[in-house]
Amino acid sequence: MPDKPILERSFNEDADVDKLLSEGCMHARLFMEVQGNDKDACQKALERTVFDSLVEEDSVTVLNVKFYELKQDAKEGFFSGVVEIDLLFRDFRWFVNVVMRYGPSAIELIEPHNVKLNLDEMQSILADVSELSQTFSSQILALLKDEERKKIYSQVVKGSKLK
């Protein structure tokens, strides 16, 4: 990744990061990557993901965004680019939720160094992960032909048997 971003934008400059961390927020840096054949489409996809979606999340306080130049792979010809996002999450539950939905290519957890979860919090996180997994699975399976679906169901059933 180049040292200098082509675009850098700050958000929530008035946020009291120390206070928010003391109230249970989590400070992290996400790296989101895009690849595609069309440079403009890749750039727009990253911009929409960050500026139209992520910054609007109620559970997220975006602090800083750095876009790096999209590069073309010399051998394969596709374009690839990354955006670095410094942000706060309301709590560990929402951190997991956002990571599951946005699928960053890398995550750097900055603070806190420890997280303590009670039983209700753990249950909520597991329910969120289960719900998102079911939603993704349903969407993927809906795109498959009947023969492909049968093959996947067969593999899932075989894999779930306890030995």
Protein backbone atom coordinates (compact mmCIF):
# COMPACT_ATOMS: atom_id res chain seq x y z
CA MET A 1 0.00 0.00 0.00
CA PRO A 2 1.40 3.42 -0.92
CA ASP A 3 2.39 5.75 1.90
CA LYS A 4 0.22 8.64 0.83
CA PRO A 5 -3.55 8.34 0.36
CA ILE A 6 -5.19 10.00 -2.66
CA LEU A 7 -8.10 11.10 -0.47
CA GLU A 8 -8.28 11.55 3.28
CA ARG A 9 -11.36 12.70 5.13
CA SER A 10 -11.95 13.18 8.86
CA PHE A 11 -15.30 12.71 10.56
CA ASN A 12 -16.66 13.37 14.05
CA GLU A 13 -13.75 15.65 15.01
CA ASP A 14 -15.64 16.64 18.16
CA ALA A 15 -15.94 13.03 19.39
CA ASP A 16 -14.37 12.48 22.81
CA VAL A 17 -12.61 9.20 21.99
CA ASP A 18 -11.33 8.61 25.53
CA LYS A 19 -14.81 9.12 26.99
CA LEU A 20 -16.41 6.82 24.41
CA LEU A 21 -13.81 4.12 25.11
CA SER A 22 -14.46 4.41 28.85
CA GLU A 23 -18.17 3.87 28.08
CA GLY A 24 -17.48 0.58 26.31
CA CYS A 25 -16.72 1.56 22.72
CA MET A 26 -14.10 -0.31 20.73
CA HIS A 27 -11.48 1.48 18.62
CA ALA A 28 -10.42 -0.29 15.44
CA ARG A 29 -9.02 0.19 11.98
CA LEU A 30 -10.64 -1.64 9.07
CA PHE A 31 -9.13 -2.15 5.65
CA MET A 32 -11.68 -2.67 2.89
CA GLU A 33 -10.56 -3.89 -0.50
CA VAL A 34 -12.14 -3.97 -3.93
CA GLN A 35 -11.19 -5.73 -7.13
CA GLY A 36 -12.74 -5.49 -10.57
CA ASN A 37 -12.28 -4.92 -14.26
CA ASP A 38 -13.62 -1.36 -14.28
CA LYS A 39 -11.55 1.21 -12.36
CA ASP A 40 -14.41 3.73 -12.01
CA ALA A 41 -16.85 1.06 -10.81
CA CYS A 42 -14.32 -0.11 -8.21
CA GLN A 43 -13.79 3.44 -6.94
CA LYS A 44 -17.52 4.12 -6.78
CA ALA A 45 -18.15 0.83 -4.94
CA LEU A 46 -15.61 1.76 -2.25
CA GLU A 47 -17.01 5.29 -1.96
CA ARG A 48 -20.62 4.06 -1.66
CA THR A 49 -19.65 1.45 0.92
CA VAL A 50 -17.84 3.98 3.09
CA PHE A 51 -19.62 7.29 2.53
CA ASP A 52 -23.18 6.08 1.91
CA SER A 53 -23.28 3.09 4.24
CA LEU A 54 -20.59 2.78 6.90
CA VAL A 55 -20.60 6.41 8.04
CA GLU A 56 -24.40 6.18 8.42
CA GLU A 57 -24.29 3.18 10.78
CA ASP A 58 -25.82 4.07 14.16
CA SER A 59 -23.39 1.78 15.99
CA VAL A 60 -20.28 3.28 14.36
CA THR A 61 -18.39 6.53 14.80
CA VAL A 62 -16.08 6.96 11.82
CA LEU A 63 -13.03 9.05 12.70
CA ASN A 64 -10.87 8.99 9.57
CA VAL A 65 -10.96 7.51 6.07
CA LYS A 66 -8.01 7.12 3.72
CA PHE A 67 -8.48 6.06 0.10
CA TYR A 68 -5.46 4.72 -1.73
CA GLU A 69 -5.03 4.74 -5.48
CA LEU A 70 -6.49 1.84 -7.42
CA LYS A 71 -3.75 -0.12 -9.12
CA GLN A 72 -4.03 -2.31 -12.17
CA ASP A 73 -2.56 -5.81 -11.96
CA ALA A 74 -0.03 -6.04 -14.80
CA LYS A 75 -0.60 -9.75 -15.41
CA GLU A 76 -4.34 -10.17 -14.87
CA GLY A 77 -5.50 -6.66 -15.86
CA PHE A 78 -7.97 -6.17 -12.99
CA PHE A 79 -7.96 -3.14 -10.70
CA SER A 80 -7.45 -3.38 -6.97
CA GLY A 81 -7.73 -0.75 -4.26
CA VAL A 82 -8.03 -0.34 -0.54
CA VAL A 83 -9.52 2.11 1.92
CA GLU A 84 -8.37 2.43 5.54
CA ILE A 85 -11.03 3.39 8.08
CA ASP A 86 -10.33 4.45 11.66
CA LEU A 87 -13.52 4.10 13.71
CA LEU A 88 -15.23 3.38 16.99
CA PHE A 89 -17.88 0.71 17.53
CA ARG A 90 -20.57 1.01 20.19
CA ASP A 91 -19.53 -2.33 21.70
CA PHE A 92 -18.19 -5.77 20.79
CA ARG A 93 -21.59 -6.97 19.54
CA TRP A 94 -21.77 -4.19 16.96
CA PHE A 95 -18.12 -4.67 16.05
CA VAL A 96 -18.85 -8.29 15.12
CA ASN A 97 -22.06 -7.30 13.34
CA VAL A 98 -20.39 -4.68 11.14
CA VAL A 99 -17.43 -6.95 10.36
CA MET A 100 -19.82 -9.73 9.29
CA ARG A 101 -21.81 -7.41 7.03
CA TYR A 102 -18.97 -5.41 5.46
CA GLY A 103 -16.31 -8.13 5.28
CA PRO A 104 -13.13 -6.07 5.62
CA SER A 105 -9.96 -7.68 4.25
CA ALA A 106 -8.04 -6.80 7.44
CA ILE A 107 -8.89 -5.61 10.96
CA GLU A 108 -6.68 -3.92 13.51
CA LEU A 109 -8.16 -3.76 17.00
CA ILE A 110 -6.63 -0.77 18.78
CA GLU A 111 -8.52 -0.56 22.09
CA PRO A 112 -9.56 -2.00 24.51
CA HIS A 113 -7.07 -4.75 25.22
CA ASN A 114 -9.70 -6.86 27.00
CA VAL A 115 -13.44 -7.30 26.64
CA LYS A 116 -15.70 -8.84 29.26
CA LEU A 117 -19.06 -10.13 28.06
CA ASN A 118 -21.99 -11.25 30.17
CA LEU A 119 -24.26 -14.13 29.18
CA ASP A 120 -26.88 -11.86 27.54
CA GLU A 121 -24.22 -10.14 25.44
CA MET A 122 -22.77 -13.46 24.30
CA GLN A 123 -26.25 -14.73 23.43
CA SER A 124 -27.00 -11.60 21.40
CA ILE A 125 -23.75 -11.89 19.46
CA LEU A 126 -24.38 -15.55 18.66
CA ALA A 127 -27.95 -14.77 17.58
CA ASP A 128 -26.69 -11.97 15.28
CA VAL A 129 -24.05 -14.25 13.71
CA SER A 130 -26.61 -17.01 13.21
CA GLU A 131 -29.13 -14.63 11.63
CA LEU A 132 -26.57 -13.11 9.26
CA SER A 133 -25.24 -16.55 8.30
CA GLN A 134 -28.76 -17.78 7.54
CA THR A 135 -29.50 -14.68 5.47
CA PHE A 136 -26.31 -15.04 3.44
CA SER A 137 -26.88 -18.76 2.95
CA SER A 138 -30.46 -18.21 1.78
CA GLN A 139 -29.38 -15.55 -0.69
CA ILE A 140 -26.60 -17.72 -2.10
CA LEU A 141 -28.77 -20.82 -2.32
CA ALA A 142 -31.52 -18.84 -4.09
CA LEU A 143 -29.03 -18.12 -6.89
CA LEU A 144 -28.19 -21.78 -7.44
CA LYS A 145 -29.89 -24.32 -9.67
CA ASP A 146 -31.76 -27.22 -8.02
CA GLU A 147 -28.95 -29.68 -8.77
CA GLU A 148 -26.33 -27.36 -7.21
CA ARG A 149 -28.54 -26.81 -4.14
CA LYS A 150 -29.00 -30.55 -3.61
CA LYS A 151 -25.25 -31.08 -3.75
CA ILE A 152 -24.60 -28.33 -1.17
CA TYR A 153 -27.35 -29.60 1.18
CA SER A 154 -25.84 -33.08 0.95
CA GLN A 155 -22.39 -31.76 1.88
CA VAL A 156 -23.78 -29.72 4.77
CA VAL A 157 -25.66 -32.70 6.20
CA LYS A 158 -22.58 -34.94 5.92
CA GLY A 159 -20.42 -32.31 7.60
CA SER A 160 -22.81 -31.77 10.51
CA LYS A 161 -22.94 -35.38 11.71
CA LEU A 162 -21.20 -35.86 15.04
CA LYS A 163 -18.63 -38.61 15.22
